[in-house]
């Protein structure tokens, strides 16, 4: 989950461009969907508001890490092996392979999904991908 904040000199306004449209609605939809599965502990974090120690503590306990393409996905380097990273890609959908390679180096499964359309489509895509990972490979 991303908030606008100044993090880089090339972006002095602090406006984050890689954000999910209707982010709060997507989170509410996902909370509702996952609440029906007692074995799933769905949570979200604003890492920019946390210390590095807090971030690493959270990520080291994460089984499935979902995030929009961006520097925050480098946290995959601190995940335990045999976990999953799901990279959300916003249109136009052009990405490199660096997060996939980081996941591979750390023994973490990598999946990406192109996110487009409204919040319902986005939450459905995320939910289906997570449920697929839970049923097939992730702990």
Protein backbone atom coordinates (compact mmCIF):
# COMPACT_ATOMS: atom_id res chain seq x y z
CA UNK A 1 0.00 0.00 0.00
CA UNK A 2 1.43 3.36 -0.95
CA UNK A 3 0.91 6.90 0.26
CA UNK A 4 2.27 10.08 -1.26
CA UNK A 5 5.55 11.04 0.40
CA UNK A 6 8.86 12.58 -0.61
CA UNK A 7 11.36 9.76 -1.05
CA UNK A 8 13.57 10.84 -3.91
CA UNK A 9 15.01 14.13 -5.18
CA UNK A 10 13.65 13.43 -8.68
CA UNK A 11 10.16 13.57 -7.19
CA UNK A 12 10.10 16.65 -4.94
CA UNK A 13 6.27 16.78 -4.95
CA UNK A 14 6.07 13.36 -3.31
CA UNK A 15 3.25 12.30 -5.65
CA UNK A 16 3.37 8.51 -6.07
CA UNK A 17 2.35 7.51 -9.57
CA UNK A 18 2.35 3.73 -9.20
CA UNK A 19 -0.69 3.36 -6.99
CA UNK A 20 -3.77 1.22 -7.23
CA UNK A 21 -6.87 3.11 -8.29
CA UNK A 22 -9.44 3.02 -5.49
CA UNK A 23 -6.88 1.52 -3.11
CA UNK A 24 -9.13 1.64 -0.03
CA UNK A 25 -11.98 -0.12 -1.86
CA UNK A 26 -9.57 -2.83 -3.03
CA UNK A 27 -8.29 -3.34 0.54
CA UNK A 28 -11.84 -3.49 1.90
CA UNK A 29 -12.83 -6.04 -0.78
CA UNK A 30 -9.78 -8.19 0.00
CA UNK A 31 -10.37 -8.02 3.77
CA UNK A 32 -13.92 -9.23 3.21
CA UNK A 33 -12.87 -12.04 0.84
CA UNK A 34 -10.05 -13.29 3.06
CA UNK A 35 -12.13 -13.06 6.26
CA UNK A 36 -13.91 -16.22 5.10
CA UNK A 37 -10.63 -18.16 5.36
CA UNK A 38 -9.51 -18.56 8.98
CA UNK A 39 -6.10 -19.89 7.90
CA UNK A 40 -5.33 -16.63 6.03
CA UNK A 41 -4.02 -13.64 7.97
CA UNK A 42 -4.45 -10.81 5.47
CA UNK A 43 -2.78 -7.55 6.45
CA UNK A 44 -1.30 -4.53 4.73
CA UNK A 45 1.47 -2.17 5.68
CA UNK A 46 2.65 1.33 4.95
CA UNK A 47 6.37 0.62 5.04
CA UNK A 48 7.25 4.28 4.56
CA UNK A 49 5.81 4.85 8.06
CA UNK A 50 7.84 2.03 9.66
CA UNK A 51 11.44 1.78 10.79
CA UNK A 52 13.71 -0.54 8.82
CA UNK A 53 13.69 -2.95 11.76
CA UNK A 54 9.88 -3.06 11.75
CA UNK A 55 9.83 -3.55 7.97
CA UNK A 56 12.25 -6.46 8.13
CA UNK A 57 10.38 -8.05 11.02
CA UNK A 58 7.14 -7.97 9.02
CA UNK A 59 8.66 -9.19 5.76
CA UNK A 60 10.58 -12.03 7.40
CA UNK A 61 7.26 -13.40 8.71
CA UNK A 62 5.41 -12.95 5.40
CA UNK A 63 4.39 -15.99 3.38
CA UNK A 64 2.94 -14.16 0.37
CA UNK A 65 4.15 -10.62 -0.33
CA UNK A 66 1.97 -8.62 -2.72
CA UNK A 67 3.09 -5.24 -3.99
CA UNK A 68 2.91 -2.78 -6.84
CA UNK A 69 6.04 -2.68 -9.01
CA UNK A 70 8.57 -0.44 -7.28
CA UNK A 71 11.56 -0.31 -4.99
CA UNK A 72 9.62 -1.71 -2.02
CA UNK A 73 9.69 -5.12 -3.67
CA UNK A 74 13.39 -5.37 -2.85
CA UNK A 75 12.13 -6.60 0.53
CA UNK A 76 11.91 -9.98 -1.22
CA UNK A 77 15.60 -10.32 -0.35
CA UNK A 78 14.62 -10.67 3.32
CA UNK A 79 11.83 -13.23 2.88
CA UNK A 80 12.30 -16.81 3.96
CA UNK A 81 12.80 -19.36 1.17
CA UNK A 82 9.74 -21.16 -0.23
CA UNK A 83 7.53 -18.08 0.07
CA UNK A 84 5.85 -16.11 -2.74
CA UNK A 85 6.20 -12.62 -4.23
CA UNK A 86 3.30 -11.34 -6.31
CA UNK A 87 4.26 -8.23 -8.27
CA UNK A 88 1.33 -6.08 -9.40
CA UNK A 89 2.03 -4.32 -12.66
CA UNK A 90 0.07 -1.27 -13.69
CA UNK A 91 -0.55 -0.40 -17.36
CA UNK A 92 1.24 -0.14 -19.72
CA UNK A 93 2.78 -3.21 -18.11
CA UNK A 94 6.43 -2.82 -19.03
CA UNK A 95 8.75 -4.26 -16.37
CA UNK A 96 12.21 -5.66 -16.05
CA UNK A 97 13.19 -8.93 -14.45
CA UNK A 98 15.06 -7.57 -11.42
CA UNK A 99 12.43 -8.52 -8.79
CA UNK A 100 12.03 -11.94 -10.35
CA UNK A 101 15.81 -12.44 -10.17
CA UNK A 102 15.92 -11.26 -6.55
CA UNK A 103 13.19 -13.74 -5.68
CA UNK A 104 15.03 -16.53 -7.49
CA UNK A 105 18.27 -15.73 -5.62
CA UNK A 106 16.41 -16.01 -2.33
CA UNK A 107 14.41 -19.17 -3.13
CA UNK A 108 11.12 -17.25 -3.30
CA UNK A 109 8.53 -18.05 -5.96
CA UNK A 110 7.76 -15.09 -8.23
CA UNK A 111 4.46 -14.30 -9.96
CA UNK A 112 3.31 -11.11 -11.64
CA UNK A 113 -0.14 -9.89 -12.57
CA UNK A 114 -1.13 -7.00 -14.81
CA UNK A 115 -3.70 -4.92 -12.95
CA UNK A 116 -6.21 -2.95 -14.98
CA UNK A 117 -9.83 -1.97 -14.70
CA UNK A 118 -11.73 -1.03 -11.58
CA UNK A 119 -11.29 -2.03 -7.99
CA UNK A 120 -13.51 -5.11 -8.32
CA UNK A 121 -11.34 -6.53 -11.13
CA UNK A 122 -8.18 -5.72 -9.20
CA UNK A 123 -9.31 -7.29 -5.93
CA UNK A 124 -10.58 -10.37 -7.78
CA UNK A 125 -7.25 -10.77 -9.62
CA UNK A 126 -5.25 -10.46 -6.40
CA UNK A 127 -7.57 -12.79 -4.49
CA UNK A 128 -7.50 -15.49 -7.17
CA UNK A 129 -3.72 -15.33 -7.45
CA UNK A 130 -3.26 -15.63 -3.67
CA UNK A 131 -5.72 -18.52 -3.41
CA UNK A 132 -3.89 -20.29 -6.24
CA UNK A 133 -0.58 -19.87 -4.41
CA UNK A 134 -2.07 -21.08 -1.12
CA UNK A 135 -3.52 -24.19 -2.70
CA UNK A 136 -0.44 -25.11 -4.74
CA UNK A 137 2.88 -24.07 -3.34
CA UNK A 138 3.15 -21.54 -0.56
CA UNK A 139 3.13 -22.63 3.07
